[in-house]
PDB file of N, CA and C in Angstrom:
ATOM      1  N   MET A   1     -63.328 -52.529  53.067  1.00  0.00           N
ATOM      2  CA  MET A   1     -63.338 -51.980  51.724  1.00  0.00           C
ATOM      3  C   MET A   1     -63.217 -50.455  51.811  1.00  0.00           C
ATOM      4  N   GLN A   2     -62.458 -49.916  50.887  1.00  0.00           N
ATOM      5  CA  GLN A   2     -62.225 -48.470  50.869  1.00  0.00           C
ATOM      6  C   GLN A   2     -63.458 -47.747  50.313  1.00  0.00           C
ATOM      7  N   LYS A   3     -63.949 -46.764  51.066  1.00  0.00           N
ATOM      8  CA  LYS A   3     -65.146 -46.019  50.654  1.00  0.00           C
ATOM      9  C   LYS A   3     -64.803 -44.728  49.930  1.00  0.00           C
ATOM     10  N   THR A   4     -63.619 -44.177  50.222  1.00  0.00           N
ATOM     11  CA  THR A   4     -63.208 -42.936  49.567  1.00  0.00           C
ATOM     12  C   THR A   4     -61.729 -43.023  49.184  1.00  0.00           C
ATOM     13  N   TYR A   5     -61.355 -42.185  48.259  1.00  0.00           N
ATOM     14  CA  TYR A   5     -59.968 -42.053  47.853  1.00  0.00           C
ATOM     15  C   TYR A   5     -59.450 -40.723  48.390  1.00  0.00           C
ATOM     16  N   HIS A   6     -58.354 -40.233  47.825  1.00  0.00           N
ATOM     17  CA  HIS A   6     -57.784 -38.975  48.294  1.00  0.00           C
ATOM     18  C   HIS A   6     -58.828 -37.865  48.323  1.00  0.00           C
ATOM     19  N   PHE A   7     -58.767 -37.056  49.343  1.00  0.00           N
ATOM     20  CA  PHE A   7     -59.587 -35.860  49.494  1.00  0.00           C
ATOM     21  C   PHE A   7     -61.081 -36.157  49.508  1.00  0.00           C
ATOM     22  N   GLY A   8     -61.446 -37.359  49.933  1.00  0.00           N
ATOM     23  CA  GLY A   8     -62.851 -37.707  50.084  1.00  0.00           C
ATOM     24  C   GLY A   8     -63.596 -38.019  48.800  1.00  0.00           C
ATOM     25  N   VAL A   9     -62.884 -38.281  47.710  1.00  0.00           N
ATOM     26  CA  VAL A   9     -63.547 -38.641  46.451  1.00  0.00           C
ATOM     27  C   VAL A   9     -64.192 -40.013  46.638  1.00  0.00           C
ATOM     28  N   PRO A  10     -65.499 -40.125  46.404  1.00  0.00           N
ATOM     29  CA  PRO A  10     -66.184 -41.404  46.616  1.00  0.00           C
ATOM     30  C   PRO A  10     -65.622 -42.504  45.718  1.00  0.00           C
ATOM     31  N   ALA A  11     -65.427 -43.683  46.305  1.00  0.00           N
ATOM     32  CA  ALA A  11     -64.883 -44.819  45.560  1.00  0.00           C
ATOM     33  C   ALA A  11     -65.772 -45.163  44.365  1.00  0.00           C
ATOM     34  N   MET A  12     -67.085 -45.082  44.544  1.00  0.00           N
ATOM     35  CA  MET A  12     -68.003 -45.415  43.451  1.00  0.00           C
ATOM     36  C   MET A  12     -67.773 -44.502  42.249  1.00  0.00           C
ATOM     37  N   LEU A  13     -67.511 -43.231  42.484  1.00  0.00           N
ATOM     38  CA  LEU A  13     -67.232 -42.294  41.392  1.00  0.00           C
ATOM     39  C   LEU A  13     -65.959 -42.686  40.649  1.00  0.00           C
ATOM     40  N   VAL A  14     -64.939 -43.084  41.391  1.00  0.00           N
ATOM     41  CA  VAL A  14     -63.681 -43.505  40.767  1.00  0.00           C
ATOM     42  C   VAL A  14     -63.907 -44.764  39.941  1.00  0.00           C
ATOM     43  N   TRP A  15     -64.634 -45.729  40.481  1.00  0.00           N
ATOM     44  CA  TRP A  15     -64.894 -46.969  39.757  1.00  0.00           C
ATOM     45  C   TRP A  15     -65.683 -46.706  38.477  1.00  0.00           C
ATOM     46  N   ILE A  16     -66.726 -45.899  38.572  1.00  0.00           N
ATOM     47  CA  ILE A  16     -67.547 -45.599  37.395  1.00  0.00           C
ATOM     48  C   ILE A  16     -66.718 -44.879  36.335  1.00  0.00           C
ATOM     49  N   SER A  17     -65.880 -43.932  36.762  1.00  0.00           N
ATOM     50  CA  SER A  17     -65.065 -43.213  35.781  1.00  0.00           C
ATOM     51  C   SER A  17     -64.085 -44.161  35.098  1.00  0.00           C
ATOM     52  N   HIS A  18     -63.516 -45.113  35.835  1.00  0.00           N
ATOM     53  CA  HIS A  18     -62.592 -46.072  35.227  1.00  0.00           C
ATOM     54  C   HIS A  18     -63.317 -46.991  34.250  1.00  0.00           C
ATOM     55  N   ILE A  19     -64.510 -47.400  34.597  1.00  0.00           N
ATOM     56  CA  ILE A  19     -65.289 -48.259  33.698  1.00  0.00           C
ATOM     57  C   ILE A  19     -65.629 -47.509  32.415  1.00  0.00           C
ATOM     58  N   LEU A  20     -66.075 -46.259  32.534  1.00  0.00           N
ATOM     59  CA  LEU A  20     -66.417 -45.472  31.347  1.00  0.00           C
ATOM     60  C   LEU A  20     -65.192 -45.208  30.471  1.00  0.00           C
ATOM     61  N   MET A  21     -64.054 -44.899  31.102  1.00  0.00           N
ATOM     62  CA  MET A  21     -62.836 -44.693  30.318  1.00  0.00           C
ATOM     63  C   MET A  21     -62.409 -45.982  29.632  1.00  0.00           C
ATOM     64  N   GLY A  22     -62.571 -47.112  30.309  1.00  0.00           N
ATOM     65  CA  GLY A  22     -62.254 -48.400  29.701  1.00  0.00           C
ATOM     66  C   GLY A  22     -63.113 -48.669  28.479  1.00  0.00           C
ATOM     67  N   ILE A  23     -64.401 -48.375  28.576  1.00  0.00           N
ATOM     68  CA  ILE A  23     -65.306 -48.548  27.432  1.00  0.00           C
ATOM     69  C   ILE A  23     -64.882 -47.639  26.283  1.00  0.00           C
ATOM     70  N   LEU A  24     -64.517 -46.399  26.601  1.00  0.00           N
ATOM     71  CA  LEU A  24     -64.059 -45.466  25.573  1.00  0.00           C
ATOM     72  C   LEU A  24     -62.803 -45.997  24.894  1.00  0.00           C
ATOM     73  N   PHE A  25     -61.849 -46.506  25.673  1.00  0.00           N
ATOM     74  CA  PHE A  25     -60.607 -47.022  25.100  1.00  0.00           C
ATOM     75  C   PHE A  25     -60.852 -48.255  24.234  1.00  0.00           C
ATOM     76  N   VAL A  26     -61.772 -49.115  24.648  1.00  0.00           N
ATOM     77  CA  VAL A  26     -62.130 -50.281  23.828  1.00  0.00           C
ATOM     78  C   VAL A  26     -62.712 -49.813  22.504  1.00  0.00           C
ATOM     79  N   TYR A  27     -63.600 -48.837  22.548  1.00  0.00           N
ATOM     80  CA  TYR A  27     -64.217 -48.304  21.333  1.00  0.00           C
ATOM     81  C   TYR A  27     -63.167 -47.675  20.417  1.00  0.00           C
ATOM     82  N   LEU A  28     -62.261 -46.892  20.987  1.00  0.00           N
ATOM     83  CA  LEU A  28     -61.208 -46.274  20.188  1.00  0.00           C
ATOM     84  C   LEU A  28     -60.296 -47.328  19.581  1.00  0.00           C
ATOM     85  N   GLY A  29     -59.957 -48.346  20.358  1.00  0.00           N
ATOM     86  CA  GLY A  29     -59.138 -49.439  19.833  1.00  0.00           C
ATOM     87  C   GLY A  29     -59.816 -50.141  18.676  1.00  0.00           C
ATOM     88  N   TYR A  30     -61.108 -50.374  18.802  1.00  0.00           N
ATOM     89  CA  TYR A  30     -61.874 -51.001  17.717  1.00  0.00           C
ATOM     90  C   TYR A  30     -61.826 -50.139  16.455  1.00  0.00           C
ATOM     91  N   LEU A  31     -62.041 -48.838  16.611  1.00  0.00           N
ATOM     92  CA  LEU A  31     -62.011 -47.952  15.452  1.00  0.00           C
ATOM     93  C   LEU A  31     -60.639 -47.954  14.779  1.00  0.00           C
ATOM     94  N   ILE A  32     -59.592 -47.962  15.571  1.00  0.00           N
ATOM     95  CA  ILE A  32     -58.237 -47.955  15.014  1.00  0.00           C
ATOM     96  C   ILE A  32     -57.952 -49.266  14.289  1.00  0.00           C
ATOM     97  N   ILE A  33     -58.328 -50.388  14.896  1.00  0.00           N
ATOM     98  CA  ILE A  33     -58.103 -51.692  14.261  1.00  0.00           C
ATOM     99  C   ILE A  33     -58.854 -51.792  12.942  1.00  0.00           C
ATOM    100  N   GLU A  34     -60.057 -51.273  12.898  1.00  0.00           N
ATOM    101  CA  GLU A  34     -60.867 -51.320  11.675  1.00  0.00           C
ATOM    102  C   GLU A  34     -60.433 -50.287  10.652  1.00  0.00           C
ATOM    103  N   GLY A  35     -59.477 -49.437  11.010  1.00  0.00           N
ATOM    104  CA  GLY A  35     -58.967 -48.433  10.070  1.00  0.00           C
ATOM    105  C   GLY A  35     -59.932 -47.285   9.831  1.00  0.00           C
ATOM    106  N   LYS A  36     -60.841 -47.068  10.758  1.00  0.00           N
ATOM    107  CA  LYS A  36     -61.811 -45.984  10.606  1.00  0.00           C
ATOM    108  C   LYS A  36     -61.234 -44.685  11.151  1.00  0.00           C
ATOM    109  N   LYS A  37     -61.697 -43.584  10.625  1.00  0.00           N
ATOM    110  CA  LYS A  37     -61.237 -42.278  11.074  1.00  0.00           C
ATOM    111  C   LYS A  37     -61.891 -41.939  12.413  1.00  0.00           C
ATOM    112  N   LEU A  38     -61.079 -41.417  13.322  1.00  0.00           N
ATOM    113  CA  LEU A  38     -61.597 -41.028  14.631  1.00  0.00           C
ATOM    114  C   LEU A  38     -62.245 -39.652  14.537  1.00  0.00           C
ATOM    115  N   ASN A  39     -63.348 -39.494  15.230  1.00  0.00           N
ATOM    116  CA  ASN A  39     -64.031 -38.202  15.272  1.00  0.00           C
ATOM    117  C   ASN A  39     -63.227 -37.203  16.082  1.00  0.00           C
ATOM    118  N   LYS A  40     -63.421 -35.935  15.781  1.00  0.00           N
ATOM    119  CA  LYS A  40     -62.720 -34.880  16.512  1.00  0.00           C
ATOM    120  C   LYS A  40     -63.098 -34.896  17.991  1.00  0.00           C
ATOM    121  N   TRP A  41     -64.360 -35.164  18.323  1.00  0.00           N
ATOM    122  CA  TRP A  41     -64.787 -35.152  19.719  1.00  0.00           C
ATOM    123  C   TRP A  41     -64.107 -36.254  20.518  1.00  0.00           C
ATOM    124  N   LEU A  42     -63.755 -37.376  19.880  1.00  0.00           N
ATOM    125  CA  LEU A  42     -63.034 -38.428  20.585  1.00  0.00           C
ATOM    126  C   LEU A  42     -61.627 -37.964  20.951  1.00  0.00           C
ATOM    127  N   GLY A  43     -60.979 -37.271  20.040  1.00  0.00           N
ATOM    128  CA  GLY A  43     -59.658 -36.715  20.311  1.00  0.00           C
ATOM    129  C   GLY A  43     -59.704 -35.685  21.423  1.00  0.00           C
ATOM    130  N   ILE A  44     -60.712 -34.835  21.385  1.00  0.00           N
ATOM    131  CA  ILE A  44     -60.877 -33.827  22.441  1.00  0.00           C
ATOM    132  C   ILE A  44     -61.150 -34.509  23.780  1.00  0.00           C
ATOM    133  N   SER A  45     -61.965 -35.558  23.776  1.00  0.00           N
ATOM    134  CA  SER A  45     -62.257 -36.305  25.007  1.00  0.00           C
ATOM    135  C   SER A  45     -60.985 -36.905  25.588  1.00  0.00           C
ATOM    136  N   LEU A  46     -60.166 -37.518  24.740  1.00  0.00           N
ATOM    137  CA  LEU A  46     -58.912 -38.094  25.217  1.00  0.00           C
ATOM    138  C   LEU A  46     -57.989 -37.023  25.770  1.00  0.00           C
ATOM    139  N   LEU A  47     -57.935 -35.893  25.107  1.00  0.00           N
ATOM    140  CA  LEU A  47     -57.099 -34.790  25.571  1.00  0.00           C
ATOM    141  C   LEU A  47     -57.552 -34.315  26.955  1.00  0.00           C
ATOM    142  N   ILE A  48     -58.841 -34.137  27.139  1.00  0.00           N
ATOM    143  CA  ILE A  48     -59.378 -33.676  28.419  1.00  0.00           C
ATOM    144  C   ILE A  48     -59.149 -34.713  29.515  1.00  0.00           C
ATOM    145  N   ILE A  49     -59.413 -35.989  29.219  1.00  0.00           N
ATOM    146  CA  ILE A  49     -59.193 -37.053  30.204  1.00  0.00           C
ATOM    147  C   ILE A  49     -57.716 -37.098  30.598  1.00  0.00           C
ATOM    148  N   GLY A  50     -56.830 -36.980  29.629  1.00  0.00           N
ATOM    149  CA  GLY A  50     -55.399 -36.993  29.919  1.00  0.00           C
ATOM    150  C   GLY A  50     -54.963 -35.822  30.775  1.00  0.00           C
ATOM    151  N   ILE A  51     -55.454 -34.649  30.466  1.00  0.00           N
ATOM    152  CA  ILE A  51     -55.097 -33.455  31.248  1.00  0.00           C
ATOM    153  C   ILE A  51     -55.618 -33.568  32.672  1.00  0.00           C
ATOM    154  N   ILE A  52     -56.875 -33.979  32.822  1.00  0.00           N
ATOM    155  CA  ILE A  52     -57.455 -34.123  34.160  1.00  0.00           C
ATOM    156  C   ILE A  52     -56.694 -35.176  34.962  1.00  0.00           C
ATOM    157  N   GLY A  53     -56.392 -36.305  34.336  1.00  0.00           N
ATOM    158  CA  GLY A  53     -55.646 -37.361  35.025  1.00  0.00           C
ATOM    159  C   GLY A  53     -54.267 -36.894  35.455  1.00  0.00           C
ATOM    160  N   ALA A  54     -53.561 -36.212  34.552  1.00  0.00           N
ATOM    161  CA  ALA A  54     -52.219 -35.725  34.873  1.00  0.00           C
ATOM    162  C   ALA A  54     -52.262 -34.694  36.001  1.00  0.00           C
ATOM    163  N   LEU A  55     -53.201 -33.769  35.934  1.00  0.00           N
ATOM    164  CA  LEU A  55     -53.310 -32.750  36.984  1.00  0.00           C
ATOM    165  C   LEU A  55     -53.684 -33.357  38.332  1.00  0.00           C
ATOM    166  N   TYR A  56     -54.583 -34.323  38.319  1.00  0.00           N
ATOM    167  CA  TYR A  56     -54.993 -34.974  39.563  1.00  0.00           C
ATOM    168  C   TYR A  56     -53.814 -35.702  40.208  1.00  0.00           C
ATOM    169  N   HIS A  57     -53.065 -36.461  39.398  1.00  0.00           N
ATOM    170  CA  HIS A  57     -51.936 -37.197  39.950  1.00  0.00           C
ATOM    171  C   HIS A  57     -50.813 -36.258  40.381  1.00  0.00           C
ATOM    172  N   LEU A  58     -50.595 -35.186  39.659  1.00  0.00           N
ATOM    173  CA  LEU A  58     -49.610 -34.194  40.067  1.00  0.00           C
ATOM    174  C   LEU A  58     -50.011 -33.564  41.402  1.00  0.00           C
ATOM    175  N   HIS A  59     -51.296 -33.268  41.554  1.00  0.00           N
ATOM    176  CA  HIS A  59     -51.808 -32.693  42.794  1.00  0.00           C
ATOM    177  C   HIS A  59     -51.582 -33.646  43.971  1.00  0.00           C
ATOM    178  N   ILE A  60     -51.894 -34.926  43.785  1.00  0.00           N
ATOM    179  CA  ILE A  60     -51.685 -35.906  44.851  1.00  0.00           C
ATOM    180  C   ILE A  60     -50.197 -36.015  45.177  1.00  0.00           C
ATOM    181  N   TRP A  61     -49.348 -36.030  44.160  1.00  0.00           N
ATOM    182  CA  TRP A  61     -47.911 -36.128  44.365  1.00  0.00           C
ATOM    183  C   TRP A  61     -47.401 -34.935  45.181  1.00  0.00           C
ATOM    184  N   MET A  62     -47.825 -33.735  44.803  1.00  0.00           N
ATOM    185  CA  MET A  62     -47.395 -32.537  45.519  1.00  0.00           C
ATOM    186  C   MET A  62     -47.939 -32.526  46.953  1.00  0.00           C
ATOM    187  N   TYR A  63     -49.170 -32.958  47.131  1.00  0.00           N
ATOM    188  CA  TYR A  63     -49.779 -33.022  48.465  1.00  0.00           C
ATOM    189  C   TYR A  63     -49.015 -33.999  49.353  1.00  0.00           C
ATOM    190  N   GLU A  64     -48.729 -35.189  48.823  1.00  0.00           N
ATOM    191  CA  GLU A  64     -47.995 -36.206  49.588  1.00  0.00           C
ATOM    192  C   GLU A  64     -46.585 -35.709  49.918  1.00  0.00           C
ATOM    193  N   ALA A  65     -45.931 -35.031  48.972  1.00  0.00           N
ATOM    194  CA  ALA A  65     -44.589 -34.515  49.217  1.00  0.00           C
ATOM    195  C   ALA A  65     -44.633 -33.449  50.322  1.00  0.00           C
ATOM    196  N   GLY A  66     -45.675 -32.646  50.346  1.00  0.00           N
ATOM    197  CA  GLY A  66     -45.841 -31.635  51.389  1.00  0.00           C
ATOM    198  C   GLY A  66     -46.095 -32.239  52.747  1.00  0.00           C
ATOM    199  N   GLN A  67     -46.820 -33.353  52.783  1.00  0.00           N
ATOM    200  CA  GLN A  67     -47.104 -34.019  54.049  1.00  0.00           C
ATOM    201  C   GLN A  67     -45.847 -34.643  54.644  1.00  0.00           C
ATOM    202  N   LYS A  68     -44.956 -35.158  53.779  1.00  0.00           N
ATOM    203  CA  LYS A  68     -43.730 -35.795  54.265  1.00  0.00           C
ATOM    204  C   LYS A  68     -42.730 -34.782  54.786  1.00  0.00           C
ATOM    205  N   SER A  69     -42.737 -33.582  54.222  1.00  0.00           N
ATOM    206  CA  SER A  69     -41.770 -32.574  54.653  1.00  0.00           C
ATOM    207  C   SER A  69     -42.227 -31.844  55.919  1.00  0.00           C
ATOM    208  N   SER A  70     -43.485 -32.019  56.294  1.00  0.00           N
ATOM    209  CA  SER A  70     -44.000 -31.332  57.490  1.00  0.00           C
ATOM    210  C   SER A  70     -43.580 -32.023  58.761  1.00  0.00           C
TER     211      SER A  70
END
């Protein structure tokens, strides 16, 4: 079983973050289906999660590309 991900990030941290994001997405989906207005903090949370995810994956992509060219 894998204990860490890229750059030594603990697997447990990755799993917990995915579970929490999944719960958030379920909650947001419920609010949208019920036609309720989303709070501003939920929008800000999604924006931050998206930016962090995009930057992390871009970083891994650039790191892997650098390793292949070496």
